[in-house]
Amino acid sequence: MNPKKLLEEQLKLEEAGRPYAVITIIRANGAVPRKSGKMLVTADGNSIGTIGGGSSELLAIQDAQACIRYGENAVKDYVLNSENGMVCGGDFSVFIEVENPRPRLLLCGAGHVGTALMKAAHLAGFDITLVDTRAEDQIGDAILLADTYVPVEDFYKGIMALTIPAGAFIVITTYGHRFDKEALAAALTKKAAYLGMIGSRKKIAAVYEKLRSEGFTHEQLEAVYAPIGMDIGGETPEEIAISIVAEMLAVKYKRSGAHLKDL
């Protein structure tokens, strides 16, 4: 495939934090559709480029999906014979290289839960951008937990000015209803993979009422994970942070969060 197009697609996927694999022909023997070739495969099986087409390419795509799922590179061999509908008689090998970019987390507010969340999210592999309106001396060492710190005067204007990839995760843990509302109003205009906000049901209802009066729809607000986190119990900032990361990972991997013993 066109190297420029491949690079463009890789950059898009990495910006969105989506895993993918690159399949490259590393050996070809006898009659084969292609002696060289490269293709990109995403976790859902979409592909760009070709290594020759036919059933062997379909098998390679399936193998690439498995590699993405398990996070492992692999060398795979394919024989072109009547059993797989290919009568060329040759054989070839490919190298499947998995790339799993760090998912982006935009955190709005670094209070007790936000600070604990950054620690837990780092362990889960997230690249963290912290946005906060407070002075650095008020935030303290929590700034050091972020990969990127963006000081802003206003949550709404600050978030609106940021370029947030479609695959990003946004979590709102500010220090007041007004700031939650500002951050959520801006975040709702972004195409994030996950948008969550901390708070009691009463607080969330009050924020939603204000946003509806400004024109946000029921469908938009229903898509917000609020109250945020999974029902695992615990009330400390660290326990709440773990429940939030668990929910984000469930969204990332499209899982229900059910007990494995029940599946």
Protein backbone atom coordinates (compact mmCIF):
# COMPACT_ATOMS: atom_id res chain seq x y z
CA MET A 1 0.00 0.00 0.00
CA ASN A 2 0.98 3.62 -0.30
CA PRO A 3 3.44 4.28 2.58
CA LYS A 4 2.04 7.77 3.08
CA LYS A 5 -1.52 6.46 3.42
CA LEU A 6 -0.36 3.79 5.86
CA LEU A 7 1.38 6.40 8.00
CA GLU A 8 -1.69 8.65 7.92
CA GLU A 9 -3.92 5.80 9.12
CA GLN A 10 -1.44 4.86 11.84
CA LEU A 11 -1.37 8.45 13.10
CA LYS A 12 -5.18 8.58 13.17
CA LEU A 13 -5.40 5.37 15.17
CA GLU A 14 -2.68 6.42 17.57
CA GLU A 15 -4.30 9.81 18.09
CA ALA A 16 -7.55 8.01 18.89
CA GLY A 17 -5.78 5.53 21.18
CA ARG A 18 -6.99 2.55 19.14
CA PRO A 19 -4.88 -0.62 18.82
CA TYR A 20 -3.96 -1.99 15.41
CA ALA A 21 -1.58 -4.40 13.69
CA VAL A 22 0.62 -4.12 10.62
CA ILE A 23 1.01 -7.30 8.55
CA THR A 24 4.16 -7.49 6.42
CA ILE A 25 5.18 -10.28 4.04
CA ILE A 26 8.66 -11.40 5.15
CA ARG A 27 9.05 -14.54 3.00
CA ALA A 28 7.49 -15.78 -0.24
CA ASN A 29 8.17 -19.08 -1.97
CA GLY A 30 6.87 -20.37 -5.28
CA ALA A 31 3.73 -19.10 -6.96
CA VAL A 32 2.11 -16.54 -4.67
CA PRO A 33 -0.12 -13.52 -5.45
CA ARG A 34 2.49 -11.12 -4.07
CA LYS A 35 6.16 -11.36 -3.17
CA SER A 36 5.90 -8.29 -0.95
CA GLY A 37 3.07 -6.42 0.66
CA LYS A 38 1.85 -4.71 3.78
CA MET A 39 -1.55 -4.05 5.30
CA LEU A 40 -3.00 -2.48 8.41
CA VAL A 41 -5.70 -4.23 10.45
CA THR A 42 -7.79 -2.79 13.30
CA ALA A 43 -9.24 -4.68 16.25
CA ASP A 44 -12.64 -4.95 14.56
CA GLY A 45 -11.15 -6.46 11.39
CA ASN A 46 -11.18 -3.44 9.12
CA SER A 47 -8.13 -3.37 6.88
CA ILE A 48 -6.20 -1.10 4.55
CA GLY A 49 -3.74 -2.40 1.98
CA THR A 50 -3.27 -6.00 0.84
CA ILE A 51 -0.91 -8.94 1.04
CA GLY A 52 -2.45 -10.67 -1.97
CA GLY A 53 -6.13 -11.16 -1.26
CA GLY A 54 -8.01 -14.43 -1.10
CA SER A 55 -8.54 -16.80 1.80
CA SER A 56 -4.95 -16.50 3.02
CA GLU A 57 -5.42 -12.76 3.51
CA LEU A 58 -8.64 -13.39 5.44
CA LEU A 59 -6.76 -15.84 7.67
CA ALA A 60 -4.03 -13.24 8.18
CA ILE A 61 -6.62 -10.64 9.20
CA GLN A 62 -8.10 -13.08 11.73
CA ASP A 63 -4.63 -13.85 13.06
CA ALA A 64 -3.93 -10.12 13.35
CA GLN A 65 -7.14 -9.60 15.33
CA ALA A 66 -6.06 -12.36 17.72
CA CYS A 67 -2.64 -10.74 18.09
CA ILE A 68 -4.29 -7.40 18.89
CA ARG A 69 -6.55 -9.08 21.42
CA TYR A 70 -3.62 -10.67 23.25
CA GLY A 71 -1.15 -7.85 22.65
CA GLU A 72 1.44 -10.11 21.05
CA ASN A 73 3.46 -9.97 17.83
CA ALA A 74 3.67 -13.13 15.73
CA VAL A 75 5.09 -14.76 12.61
CA LYS A 76 2.50 -16.74 10.64
CA ASP A 77 2.95 -19.13 7.71
CA TYR A 78 0.36 -19.71 4.98
CA VAL A 79 0.28 -22.40 2.29
CA LEU A 80 -1.70 -21.74 -0.89
CA ASN A 81 -3.41 -25.01 -1.78
CA SER A 82 -6.81 -26.41 -2.70
CA GLU A 83 -7.77 -26.79 0.95
CA ASN A 84 -8.01 -23.04 1.37
CA GLY A 85 -9.27 -22.31 -2.13
CA MET A 86 -5.89 -21.19 -3.44
CA VAL A 87 -4.30 -23.29 -6.18
CA CYS A 88 -1.09 -21.27 -6.58
CA GLY A 89 0.90 -23.91 -4.75
CA GLY A 90 3.29 -21.48 -3.08
CA ASP A 91 3.65 -20.43 0.52
CA PHE A 92 4.56 -17.27 2.38
CA SER A 93 5.16 -15.91 5.87
CA VAL A 94 4.12 -12.65 7.47
CA PHE A 95 5.17 -10.69 10.51
CA ILE A 96 2.25 -9.32 12.51
CA GLU A 97 3.30 -6.32 14.59
CA VAL A 98 0.83 -5.00 17.16
CA GLU A 99 0.69 -1.34 18.16
CA ASN A 100 -1.37 -0.47 21.20
CA PRO A 101 -1.24 3.32 21.74
CA ARG A 102 -1.87 4.65 25.22
CA PRO A 103 -5.51 5.78 25.48
CA ARG A 104 -5.91 9.50 26.23
CA LEU A 105 -7.55 10.64 29.44
CA LEU A 106 -8.59 14.27 29.87
CA LEU A 107 -9.12 14.89 33.58
CA CYS A 108 -10.96 18.03 34.64
CA GLY A 109 -10.02 18.88 38.21
CA ALA A 110 -7.37 17.33 40.47
CA GLY A 111 -9.06 17.01 43.84
CA HIS A 112 -8.74 13.95 46.06
CA VAL A 113 -10.54 11.62 43.64
CA GLY A 114 -8.88 13.17 40.60
CA THR A 115 -5.44 12.68 42.13
CA ALA A 116 -6.19 9.06 43.01
CA LEU A 117 -7.62 8.56 39.53
CA MET A 118 -4.40 9.72 37.88
CA LYS A 119 -2.43 7.15 39.89
CA ALA A 120 -4.80 4.33 38.95
CA ALA A 121 -5.11 5.42 35.33
CA HIS A 122 -1.33 5.45 34.91
CA LEU A 123 -1.21 1.82 36.03
CA ALA A 124 -3.83 1.04 33.37
CA GLY A 125 -1.72 2.68 30.68
CA PHE A 126 -3.56 5.97 30.12
CA ASP A 127 -1.86 9.11 28.86
CA ILE A 128 -3.24 11.82 31.14
CA THR A 129 -3.91 15.47 30.41
CA LEU A 130 -4.95 17.45 33.48
CA VAL A 131 -7.02 20.62 33.14
CA ASP A 132 -7.54 22.80 36.22
CA THR A 133 -8.40 26.42 36.98
CA ARG A 134 -6.64 26.60 40.34
CA ALA A 135 -3.16 27.92 41.00
CA GLU A 136 -0.35 25.39 40.91
CA ASP A 137 0.35 25.75 44.63
CA GLN A 138 -3.28 24.78 45.32
CA ILE A 139 -3.03 21.68 43.16
CA GLY A 140 0.32 20.67 44.58
CA ASP A 141 2.19 17.53 43.58
CA ALA A 142 -0.85 16.19 41.70
CA ILE A 143 0.44 18.10 38.68
CA LEU A 144 3.40 15.71 38.56
CA LEU A 145 1.03 12.78 38.02
CA ALA A 146 -0.19 14.18 34.70
CA ASP A 147 1.65 13.62 31.44
CA THR A 148 0.41 17.04 30.35
CA TYR A 149 -0.86 19.86 32.55
CA VAL A 150 -3.03 22.58 31.02
CA PRO A 151 -3.80 25.53 33.33
CA VAL A 152 -6.99 27.32 32.32
CA GLU A 153 -8.95 30.27 33.64
CA ASP A 154 -12.30 28.77 32.68
CA PHE A 155 -13.17 25.08 32.24
CA TYR A 156 -15.55 25.68 29.34
CA LYS A 157 -13.22 27.87 27.30
CA GLY A 158 -10.20 25.76 28.19
CA ILE A 159 -11.75 22.46 27.10
CA MET A 160 -13.26 23.99 23.97
CA ALA A 161 -9.80 25.16 22.93
CA LEU A 162 -8.29 21.68 23.25
CA THR A 163 -8.05 19.22 20.39
CA ILE A 164 -9.47 16.02 21.87
CA PRO A 165 -9.28 12.84 19.76
CA ALA A 166 -12.47 10.88 19.16
CA GLY A 167 -11.15 7.91 21.12
CA ALA A 168 -10.32 9.90 24.25
CA PHE A 169 -11.75 9.44 27.73
CA ILE A 170 -12.98 12.49 29.63
CA VAL A 171 -13.57 12.51 33.38
CA ILE A 172 -14.95 15.48 35.30
CA THR A 173 -13.97 15.70 38.97
CA THR A 174 -14.06 19.43 39.65
CA TYR A 175 -14.75 21.16 42.96
CA GLY A 176 -18.21 22.63 42.45
CA HIS A 177 -21.52 22.40 40.57
CA ARG A 178 -20.75 25.44 38.43
CA PHE A 179 -17.41 24.06 37.33
CA ASP A 180 -18.91 20.63 36.64
CA LYS A 181 -21.53 22.25 34.44
CA GLU A 182 -18.92 24.31 32.57
CA ALA A 183 -16.70 21.29 31.97
CA LEU A 184 -19.57 19.03 30.94
CA ALA A 185 -21.03 21.60 28.53
CA ALA A 186 -17.70 21.75 26.71
CA ALA A 187 -17.04 18.00 26.90
CA LEU A 188 -20.43 17.21 25.34
CA THR A 189 -19.30 18.95 22.16
CA LYS A 190 -16.38 16.53 21.81
CA LYS A 191 -16.59 13.03 20.32
CA ALA A 192 -15.06 11.17 23.23
CA ALA A 193 -15.23 7.40 23.64
CA TYR A 194 -16.16 7.91 27.27
CA LEU A 195 -17.45 10.88 29.25
CA GLY A 196 -18.00 10.56 32.98
CA MET A 197 -18.76 12.96 35.84
CA ILE A 198 -18.47 12.44 39.56
CA GLY A 199 -21.25 13.48 41.92
CA SER A 200 -24.42 12.50 43.72
CA ARG A 201 -27.60 11.88 41.76
CA LYS A 202 -29.02 15.11 43.18
CA LYS A 203 -26.04 17.15 41.98
CA ILE A 204 -26.06 15.48 38.59
CA ALA A 205 -29.78 16.16 38.17
CA ALA A 206 -29.19 19.85 38.94
CA VAL A 207 -26.37 20.07 36.39
CA TYR A 208 -28.46 18.28 33.76
CA GLU A 209 -31.40 20.63 34.34
CA LYS A 210 -29.21 23.64 33.63
CA LEU A 211 -27.73 22.03 30.52
CA ARG A 212 -31.17 21.10 29.16
CA SER A 213 -32.19 24.74 29.55
CA GLU A 214 -29.22 25.61 27.33
CA GLY A 215 -30.31 23.25 24.58
CA PHE A 216 -28.55 19.98 25.34
CA THR A 217 -30.74 16.97 24.57
CA HIS A 218 -31.84 14.03 26.67
CA GLU A 219 -29.87 11.69 24.40
CA GLN A 220 -26.66 13.67 24.90
CA LEU A 221 -26.98 13.63 28.67
CA GLU A 222 -27.97 9.95 28.77
CA ALA A 223 -24.63 9.11 27.15
CA VAL A 224 -22.74 10.54 30.14
CA TYR A 225 -21.51 8.06 32.74
CA ALA A 226 -22.88 9.75 35.84
CA PRO A 227 -22.75 8.89 38.63
CA ILE A 228 -19.35 7.72 37.46
CA GLY A 229 -17.76 4.36 38.18
CA MET A 230 -18.82 0.77 38.73
CA ASP A 231 -20.72 -0.61 41.72
CA ILE A 232 -17.84 -2.30 43.53
CA GLY A 233 -18.35 -0.65 46.92
CA GLY A 234 -15.93 1.56 48.80
CA GLU A 235 -15.97 5.27 49.52
CA THR A 236 -12.33 6.35 49.69
CA PRO A 237 -10.84 8.37 46.82
CA GLU A 238 -8.66 5.40 45.91
CA GLU A 239 -11.58 2.97 45.84
CA ILE A 240 -13.67 5.36 43.76
CA ALA A 241 -10.74 5.84 41.38
CA ILE A 242 -10.41 2.09 40.88
CA SER A 243 -14.12 1.83 40.08
CA ILE A 244 -13.78 4.63 37.51
CA VAL A 245 -10.78 3.02 35.80
CA ALA A 246 -12.64 -0.31 35.76
CA GLU A 247 -15.55 1.38 33.99
CA MET A 248 -13.26 3.07 31.47
CA LEU A 249 -11.54 -0.22 30.68
CA ALA A 250 -14.91 -1.94 30.24
CA VAL A 251 -15.83 0.74 27.70
CA LYS A 252 -12.44 0.52 26.00
CA TYR A 253 -12.69 -3.23 25.53
CA LYS A 254 -16.47 -3.27 24.99
CA ARG A 255 -17.10 -5.52 27.98
CA SER A 256 -19.99 -5.66 30.43
CA GLY A 257 -17.94 -5.64 33.61
CA ALA A 258 -19.59 -8.89 34.74
CA HIS A 259 -17.82 -11.45 36.92
CA LEU A 260 -15.72 -13.80 34.78
CA LYS A 261 -17.16 -16.79 36.63
CA ASP A 262 -20.62 -15.82 35.37
CA LEU A 263 -19.59 -15.64 31.71
